Amino acid sequence: FFIGIKMINDSEFTVTEIEEIIDALNLVNDKEQLDKQVAEQFTIFDSDSNGYLDRKELKNFLTVMMKELKLHMPLDDVVVDFVFGTIDKDKNHKIELDELQEYVSKFIGEILPLYEKALEEKKAE
C-alpha cells in the first residue's frame, strides 16, 4: 500500500507494546473475527448511517486506525483519495462494508510482518 514509507518507528514502542499489537493483529487475522470487528467499526464511522463510507468518514476511520497502531502515514487528501480508490472496487464512489473488510484484511496481512520486524529490531537493541 505505502511502499517506501517507514510506517513503524520502533523507537516509539516498548517490546511489550509491539508484542501486544502483534497479538491483537493475529487475533483478528481470523476472517470471521476480523469481518465482525470491521462491521462494528463501519457502523461507528458511518456517521450518517447511509450504509457506506464517504471520503470524510473513511479519513476518520483511517486516522483512528493509524493512531491506534501508532503508524506514520500522511493522511492528506491525496492519500485519502488514493486509499478510497483502492478500496472502492466497484467504483461507485462509496465504501461498502465488504470493500472495507477486504481492505483491512489485506492491510493487516501487509502490516503484521512490519511489526514482527520492528519487534526483532527492538529485541536486538
N, C-alpha and C. Protein backbone atom coordinates (compact mmCIF):
# COMPACT_ATOMS: atom_id res chain seq x y z
N PHE A 1 0.81 -1.20 0.00
CA PHE A 1 0.00 0.00 0.00
C PHE A 1 0.86 1.26 0.00
N PHE A 2 1.78 1.32 0.92
CA PHE A 2 2.61 2.52 1.04
C PHE A 2 4.07 2.11 1.10
N ILE A 3 4.52 1.47 0.05
CA ILE A 3 5.89 1.00 -0.04
C ILE A 3 6.83 2.21 0.03
N GLY A 4 7.88 2.08 0.80
CA GLY A 4 8.87 3.15 0.88
C GLY A 4 8.63 4.10 2.03
N ILE A 5 7.46 4.05 2.64
CA ILE A 5 7.20 4.90 3.80
C ILE A 5 7.48 4.07 5.04
N LYS A 6 8.33 4.60 5.92
CA LYS A 6 8.57 3.89 7.18
C LYS A 6 7.39 4.19 8.10
N MET A 7 6.48 3.25 8.15
CA MET A 7 5.23 3.47 8.88
C MET A 7 5.37 3.18 10.37
N ILE A 8 6.33 2.36 10.73
CA ILE A 8 6.51 1.97 12.12
C ILE A 8 7.87 2.46 12.59
N ASN A 9 7.87 3.26 13.62
CA ASN A 9 9.10 3.74 14.23
C ASN A 9 9.28 2.96 15.53
N ASP A 10 10.14 1.94 15.51
CA ASP A 10 10.24 1.06 16.67
C ASP A 10 10.73 1.77 17.93
N SER A 11 11.32 2.95 17.79
CA SER A 11 11.77 3.68 18.99
C SER A 11 10.59 4.21 19.80
N GLU A 12 9.40 4.24 19.21
CA GLU A 12 8.21 4.72 19.91
C GLU A 12 7.53 3.63 20.74
N PHE A 13 8.04 2.43 20.67
CA PHE A 13 7.40 1.28 21.31
C PHE A 13 8.33 0.61 22.31
N THR A 14 7.71 -0.01 23.31
CA THR A 14 8.43 -0.98 24.12
C THR A 14 8.23 -2.34 23.46
N VAL A 15 9.04 -3.31 23.84
CA VAL A 15 8.88 -4.67 23.32
C VAL A 15 7.46 -5.16 23.62
N THR A 16 6.98 -4.92 24.83
CA THR A 16 5.65 -5.36 25.24
C THR A 16 4.56 -4.75 24.36
N GLU A 17 4.69 -3.45 24.05
CA GLU A 17 3.69 -2.81 23.21
C GLU A 17 3.64 -3.43 21.82
N ILE A 18 4.79 -3.70 21.25
CA ILE A 18 4.82 -4.33 19.92
C ILE A 18 4.21 -5.72 19.99
N GLU A 19 4.57 -6.47 21.03
CA GLU A 19 4.01 -7.82 21.19
C GLU A 19 2.49 -7.77 21.32
N GLU A 20 1.97 -6.79 22.05
CA GLU A 20 0.52 -6.66 22.22
C GLU A 20 -0.17 -6.34 20.90
N ILE A 21 0.44 -5.48 20.09
CA ILE A 21 -0.14 -5.16 18.78
C ILE A 21 -0.11 -6.38 17.88
N ILE A 22 1.01 -7.11 17.88
CA ILE A 22 1.10 -8.33 17.07
C ILE A 22 0.04 -9.33 17.50
N ASP A 23 -0.12 -9.51 18.82
CA ASP A 23 -1.14 -10.43 19.32
C ASP A 23 -2.54 -10.01 18.87
N ALA A 24 -2.83 -8.71 18.98
CA ALA A 24 -4.15 -8.20 18.57
C ALA A 24 -4.37 -8.41 17.07
N LEU A 25 -3.35 -8.13 16.27
CA LEU A 25 -3.48 -8.32 14.83
C LEU A 25 -3.65 -9.80 14.48
N ASN A 26 -2.96 -10.66 15.19
CA ASN A 26 -3.11 -12.10 14.95
C ASN A 26 -4.50 -12.57 15.33
N LEU A 27 -5.09 -12.00 16.37
CA LEU A 27 -6.44 -12.38 16.78
C LEU A 27 -7.44 -12.06 15.68
N VAL A 28 -7.29 -10.91 15.05
CA VAL A 28 -8.25 -10.54 14.01
C VAL A 28 -7.82 -11.03 12.64
N ASN A 29 -6.74 -11.79 12.59
CA ASN A 29 -6.32 -12.38 11.32
C ASN A 29 -7.30 -13.48 10.89
N ASP A 30 -8.13 -13.95 11.84
CA ASP A 30 -9.20 -14.88 11.53
C ASP A 30 -10.28 -14.10 10.77
N LYS A 31 -10.62 -14.53 9.58
CA LYS A 31 -11.54 -13.76 8.71
C LYS A 31 -12.88 -13.47 9.38
N GLU A 32 -13.45 -14.44 10.02
CA GLU A 32 -14.76 -14.24 10.64
C GLU A 32 -14.69 -13.19 11.75
N GLN A 33 -13.67 -13.30 12.58
CA GLN A 33 -13.48 -12.34 13.68
C GLN A 33 -13.19 -10.94 13.12
N LEU A 34 -12.34 -10.88 12.12
CA LEU A 34 -12.00 -9.59 11.51
C LEU A 34 -13.22 -8.95 10.88
N ASP A 35 -13.97 -9.71 10.11
CA ASP A 35 -15.17 -9.17 9.46
C ASP A 35 -16.14 -8.61 10.50
N LYS A 36 -16.27 -9.29 11.62
CA LYS A 36 -17.16 -8.83 12.69
C LYS A 36 -16.66 -7.49 13.26
N GLN A 37 -15.37 -7.41 13.54
CA GLN A 37 -14.82 -6.17 14.11
C GLN A 37 -14.90 -5.02 13.12
N VAL A 38 -14.62 -5.28 11.86
CA VAL A 38 -14.70 -4.23 10.84
C VAL A 38 -16.16 -3.77 10.70
N ALA A 39 -17.10 -4.70 10.77
CA ALA A 39 -18.52 -4.33 10.68
C ALA A 39 -18.91 -3.40 11.84
N GLU A 40 -18.41 -3.70 13.03
CA GLU A 40 -18.70 -2.83 14.18
C GLU A 40 -18.12 -1.44 13.97
N GLN A 41 -16.88 -1.38 13.50
CA GLN A 41 -16.23 -0.08 13.24
C GLN A 41 -16.93 0.65 12.10
N PHE A 42 -17.35 -0.07 11.08
CA PHE A 42 -18.05 0.52 9.95
C PHE A 42 -19.29 1.26 10.43
N THR A 43 -20.05 0.62 11.30
CA THR A 43 -21.27 1.22 11.84
C THR A 43 -20.95 2.51 12.60
N ILE A 44 -19.87 2.49 13.36
CA ILE A 44 -19.46 3.67 14.12
C ILE A 44 -19.06 4.81 13.19
N PHE A 45 -18.27 4.52 12.18
CA PHE A 45 -17.74 5.57 11.31
C PHE A 45 -18.71 6.00 10.21
N ASP A 46 -19.74 5.22 9.96
CA ASP A 46 -20.79 5.62 9.03
C ASP A 46 -21.70 6.61 9.76
N SER A 47 -21.19 7.81 9.96
CA SER A 47 -21.84 8.79 10.84
C SER A 47 -23.23 9.21 10.39
N ASP A 48 -23.51 9.13 9.11
CA ASP A 48 -24.85 9.48 8.64
C ASP A 48 -25.74 8.25 8.42
N SER A 49 -25.23 7.08 8.79
CA SER A 49 -25.98 5.81 8.75
C SER A 49 -26.62 5.53 7.39
N ASN A 50 -25.88 5.86 6.31
CA ASN A 50 -26.43 5.62 4.98
C ASN A 50 -25.96 4.29 4.38
N GLY A 51 -25.19 3.51 5.13
CA GLY A 51 -24.78 2.19 4.67
C GLY A 51 -23.48 2.16 3.90
N TYR A 52 -22.79 3.30 3.82
CA TYR A 52 -21.49 3.33 3.17
C TYR A 52 -20.65 4.45 3.77
N LEU A 53 -19.33 4.39 3.53
CA LEU A 53 -18.44 5.45 3.99
C LEU A 53 -18.11 6.36 2.82
N ASP A 54 -18.20 7.66 3.06
CA ASP A 54 -17.73 8.62 2.08
C ASP A 54 -16.27 8.95 2.41
N ARG A 55 -15.66 9.87 1.69
CA ARG A 55 -14.24 10.19 1.90
C ARG A 55 -13.96 10.71 3.31
N LYS A 56 -14.84 11.57 3.81
CA LYS A 56 -14.65 12.13 5.15
C LYS A 56 -14.72 11.03 6.22
N GLU A 57 -15.69 10.14 6.08
CA GLU A 57 -15.84 9.04 7.04
C GLU A 57 -14.66 8.09 6.95
N LEU A 58 -14.19 7.83 5.73
CA LEU A 58 -13.02 6.96 5.56
C LEU A 58 -11.80 7.60 6.20
N LYS A 59 -11.63 8.90 6.01
CA LYS A 59 -10.48 9.59 6.61
C LYS A 59 -10.52 9.47 8.14
N ASN A 60 -11.70 9.62 8.72
CA ASN A 60 -11.84 9.46 10.17
C ASN A 60 -11.47 8.04 10.60
N PHE A 61 -11.95 7.06 9.85
CA PHE A 61 -11.62 5.66 10.14
C PHE A 61 -10.11 5.43 10.08
N LEU A 62 -9.49 5.90 8.99
CA LEU A 62 -8.04 5.71 8.82
C LEU A 62 -7.25 6.43 9.91
N THR A 63 -7.69 7.63 10.28
CA THR A 63 -6.99 8.40 11.31
C THR A 63 -6.98 7.64 12.63
N VAL A 64 -8.11 7.09 13.01
CA VAL A 64 -8.19 6.33 14.26
C VAL A 64 -7.37 5.05 14.16
N MET A 65 -7.46 4.35 13.04
CA MET A 65 -6.70 3.11 12.87
C MET A 65 -5.20 3.38 12.95
N MET A 66 -4.73 4.42 12.28
CA MET A 66 -3.30 4.76 12.30
C MET A 66 -2.84 5.14 13.70
N LYS A 67 -3.68 5.88 14.41
CA LYS A 67 -3.32 6.30 15.76
C LYS A 67 -3.25 5.10 16.71
N GLU A 68 -4.23 4.21 16.62
CA GLU A 68 -4.25 3.03 17.49
C GLU A 68 -3.05 2.12 17.24
N LEU A 69 -2.62 2.03 15.99
CA LEU A 69 -1.49 1.18 15.65
C LEU A 69 -0.15 1.93 15.67
N LYS A 70 -0.20 3.22 16.03
CA LYS A 70 0.99 4.08 16.06
C LYS A 70 1.74 4.03 14.73
N LEU A 71 0.97 4.14 13.65
CA LEU A 71 1.55 4.13 12.32
C LEU A 71 1.75 5.55 11.82
N HIS A 72 2.83 5.73 11.10
CA HIS A 72 3.11 7.03 10.49
C HIS A 72 2.75 6.96 9.03
N MET A 73 1.65 7.61 8.70
CA MET A 73 1.21 7.66 7.32
C MET A 73 0.52 9.00 7.12
N PRO A 74 0.97 9.78 6.18
CA PRO A 74 0.30 11.06 5.95
C PRO A 74 -1.13 10.81 5.47
N LEU A 75 -2.07 11.53 6.04
CA LEU A 75 -3.46 11.34 5.63
C LEU A 75 -4.01 12.63 5.02
N ASP A 76 -3.27 13.17 4.07
CA ASP A 76 -3.77 14.34 3.36
C ASP A 76 -4.78 13.88 2.32
N ASP A 77 -5.37 14.83 1.60
CA ASP A 77 -6.42 14.49 0.63
C ASP A 77 -5.93 13.55 -0.47
N VAL A 78 -4.68 13.71 -0.89
CA VAL A 78 -4.14 12.85 -1.94
C VAL A 78 -4.10 11.39 -1.47
N VAL A 79 -3.63 11.18 -0.25
CA VAL A 79 -3.54 9.82 0.29
C VAL A 79 -4.94 9.24 0.50
N VAL A 80 -5.84 10.04 1.08
CA VAL A 80 -7.20 9.56 1.30
C VAL A 80 -7.87 9.20 -0.03
N ASP A 81 -7.68 10.03 -1.04
CA ASP A 81 -8.24 9.73 -2.36
C ASP A 81 -7.66 8.43 -2.93
N PHE A 82 -6.35 8.25 -2.75
CA PHE A 82 -5.70 7.02 -3.23
C PHE A 82 -6.28 5.79 -2.53
N VAL A 83 -6.35 5.87 -1.21
CA VAL A 83 -6.88 4.73 -0.43
C VAL A 83 -8.34 4.49 -0.80
N PHE A 84 -9.10 5.56 -0.92
CA PHE A 84 -10.52 5.44 -1.30
C PHE A 84 -10.63 4.70 -2.64
N GLY A 85 -9.85 5.12 -3.62
CA GLY A 85 -9.88 4.47 -4.93
C GLY A 85 -9.45 3.02 -4.88
N THR A 86 -8.51 2.72 -3.99
CA THR A 86 -8.06 1.34 -3.82
C THR A 86 -9.16 0.46 -3.23
N ILE A 87 -9.87 0.99 -2.26
CA ILE A 87 -10.91 0.22 -1.57
C ILE A 87 -12.17 0.09 -2.43
N ASP A 88 -12.54 1.15 -3.13
CA ASP A 88 -13.79 1.22 -3.88
C ASP A 88 -13.69 0.38 -5.16
N LYS A 89 -13.80 -0.92 -5.00
CA LYS A 89 -13.60 -1.87 -6.11
C LYS A 89 -14.61 -1.68 -7.24
N ASP A 90 -15.86 -1.38 -6.90
CA ASP A 90 -16.87 -1.26 -7.94
C ASP A 90 -16.99 0.18 -8.47
N LYS A 91 -16.14 1.06 -7.97
CA LYS A 91 -16.05 2.45 -8.46
C LYS A 91 -17.38 3.20 -8.44
N ASN A 92 -18.16 2.96 -7.37
CA ASN A 92 -19.43 3.69 -7.23
C ASN A 92 -19.30 4.89 -6.28
N HIS A 93 -18.08 5.22 -5.92
CA HIS A 93 -17.77 6.36 -5.05
C HIS A 93 -18.33 6.19 -3.64
N LYS A 94 -18.45 4.93 -3.22
CA LYS A 94 -18.92 4.59 -1.88
C LYS A 94 -18.08 3.43 -1.38
N ILE A 95 -17.69 3.49 -0.11
CA ILE A 95 -17.00 2.35 0.50
C ILE A 95 -18.05 1.54 1.24
N GLU A 96 -18.32 0.36 0.72
CA GLU A 96 -19.29 -0.52 1.34
C GLU A 96 -18.57 -1.47 2.29
N LEU A 97 -19.35 -2.07 3.17
CA LEU A 97 -18.78 -2.90 4.22
C LEU A 97 -17.85 -3.98 3.67
N ASP A 98 -18.28 -4.71 2.65
CA ASP A 98 -17.45 -5.80 2.13
C ASP A 98 -16.13 -5.28 1.56
N GLU A 99 -16.16 -4.09 0.98
CA GLU A 99 -14.93 -3.50 0.44
C GLU A 99 -13.97 -3.13 1.57
N LEU A 100 -14.51 -2.57 2.65
CA LEU A 100 -13.66 -2.20 3.78
C LEU A 100 -13.09 -3.44 4.45
N GLN A 101 -13.90 -4.47 4.58
CA GLN A 101 -13.42 -5.73 5.18
C GLN A 101 -12.26 -6.30 4.37
N GLU A 102 -12.38 -6.31 3.06
CA GLU A 102 -11.32 -6.83 2.21
C GLU A 102 -10.04 -6.00 2.36
N TYR A 103 -10.19 -4.68 2.37
CA TYR A 103 -9.03 -3.78 2.51
C TYR A 103 -8.32 -4.00 3.85
N VAL A 104 -9.08 -4.03 4.94
CA VAL A 104 -8.48 -4.19 6.26
C VAL A 104 -7.77 -5.53 6.36
N SER A 105 -8.35 -6.57 5.79
CA SER A 105 -7.70 -7.89 5.80
C SER A 105 -6.36 -7.84 5.09
N LYS A 106 -6.32 -7.21 3.90
CA LYS A 106 -5.06 -7.09 3.17
C LYS A 106 -4.07 -6.21 3.92
N PHE A 107 -4.56 -5.13 4.51
CA PHE A 107 -3.71 -4.21 5.25
C PHE A 107 -3.03 -4.93 6.42
N ILE A 108 -3.80 -5.71 7.17
CA ILE A 108 -3.23 -6.46 8.29
C ILE A 108 -2.18 -7.44 7.79
N GLY A 109 -2.47 -8.10 6.67
CA GLY A 109 -1.51 -9.03 6.10
C GLY A 109 -0.19 -8.36 5.73
N GLU A 110 -0.26 -7.08 5.35
CA GLU A 110 0.96 -6.36 4.99
C GLU A 110 1.64 -5.71 6.18
N ILE A 111 0.88 -5.28 7.17
CA ILE A 111 1.46 -4.54 8.29
C ILE A 111 2.02 -5.48 9.36
N LEU A 112 1.44 -6.66 9.50
CA LEU A 112 1.90 -7.61 10.52
C LEU A 112 3.38 -7.94 10.39
N PRO A 113 3.90 -8.24 9.19
CA PRO A 113 5.35 -8.51 9.08
C PRO A 113 6.21 -7.29 9.46
N LEU A 114 5.69 -6.09 9.25
CA LEU A 114 6.45 -4.89 9.64
C LEU A 114 6.57 -4.79 11.16
N TYR A 115 5.50 -5.13 11.86
CA TYR A 115 5.57 -5.14 13.33
C TYR A 115 6.51 -6.25 13.81
N GLU A 116 6.46 -7.40 13.14
CA GLU A 116 7.34 -8.51 13.53
C GLU A 116 8.80 -8.12 13.33
N LYS A 117 9.10 -7.40 12.25
CA LYS A 117 10.45 -6.92 12.00
C LYS A 117 10.85 -5.89 13.06
N ALA A 118 9.94 -4.98 13.39
CA ALA A 118 10.21 -3.97 14.42
C ALA A 118 10.49 -4.63 15.76
N LEU A 119 9.77 -5.71 16.05
CA LEU A 119 9.99 -6.43 17.30
C LEU A 119 11.39 -7.05 17.33
N GLU A 120 11.79 -7.67 16.22
CA GLU A 120 13.13 -8.24 16.14
C GLU A 120 14.19 -7.17 16.36
N GLU A 121 14.01 -6.02 15.71
CA GLU A 121 14.97 -4.91 15.85
C GLU A 121 15.01 -4.38 17.28
N LYS A 122 13.84 -4.30 17.90
CA LYS A 122 13.76 -3.79 19.27
C LYS A 122 14.44 -4.75 20.24
N LYS A 123 14.23 -6.04 20.03
CA LYS A 123 14.86 -7.03 20.91
C LYS A 123 16.37 -7.07 20.72
N ALA A 124 16.85 -6.69 19.55
CA ALA A 124 18.29 -6.71 19.25
C ALA A 124 19.02 -5.51 19.86
N GLU A 125 18.27 -4.51 20.32
CA GLU A 125 18.91 -3.30 20.88
C GLU A 125 19.65 -3.60 22.17
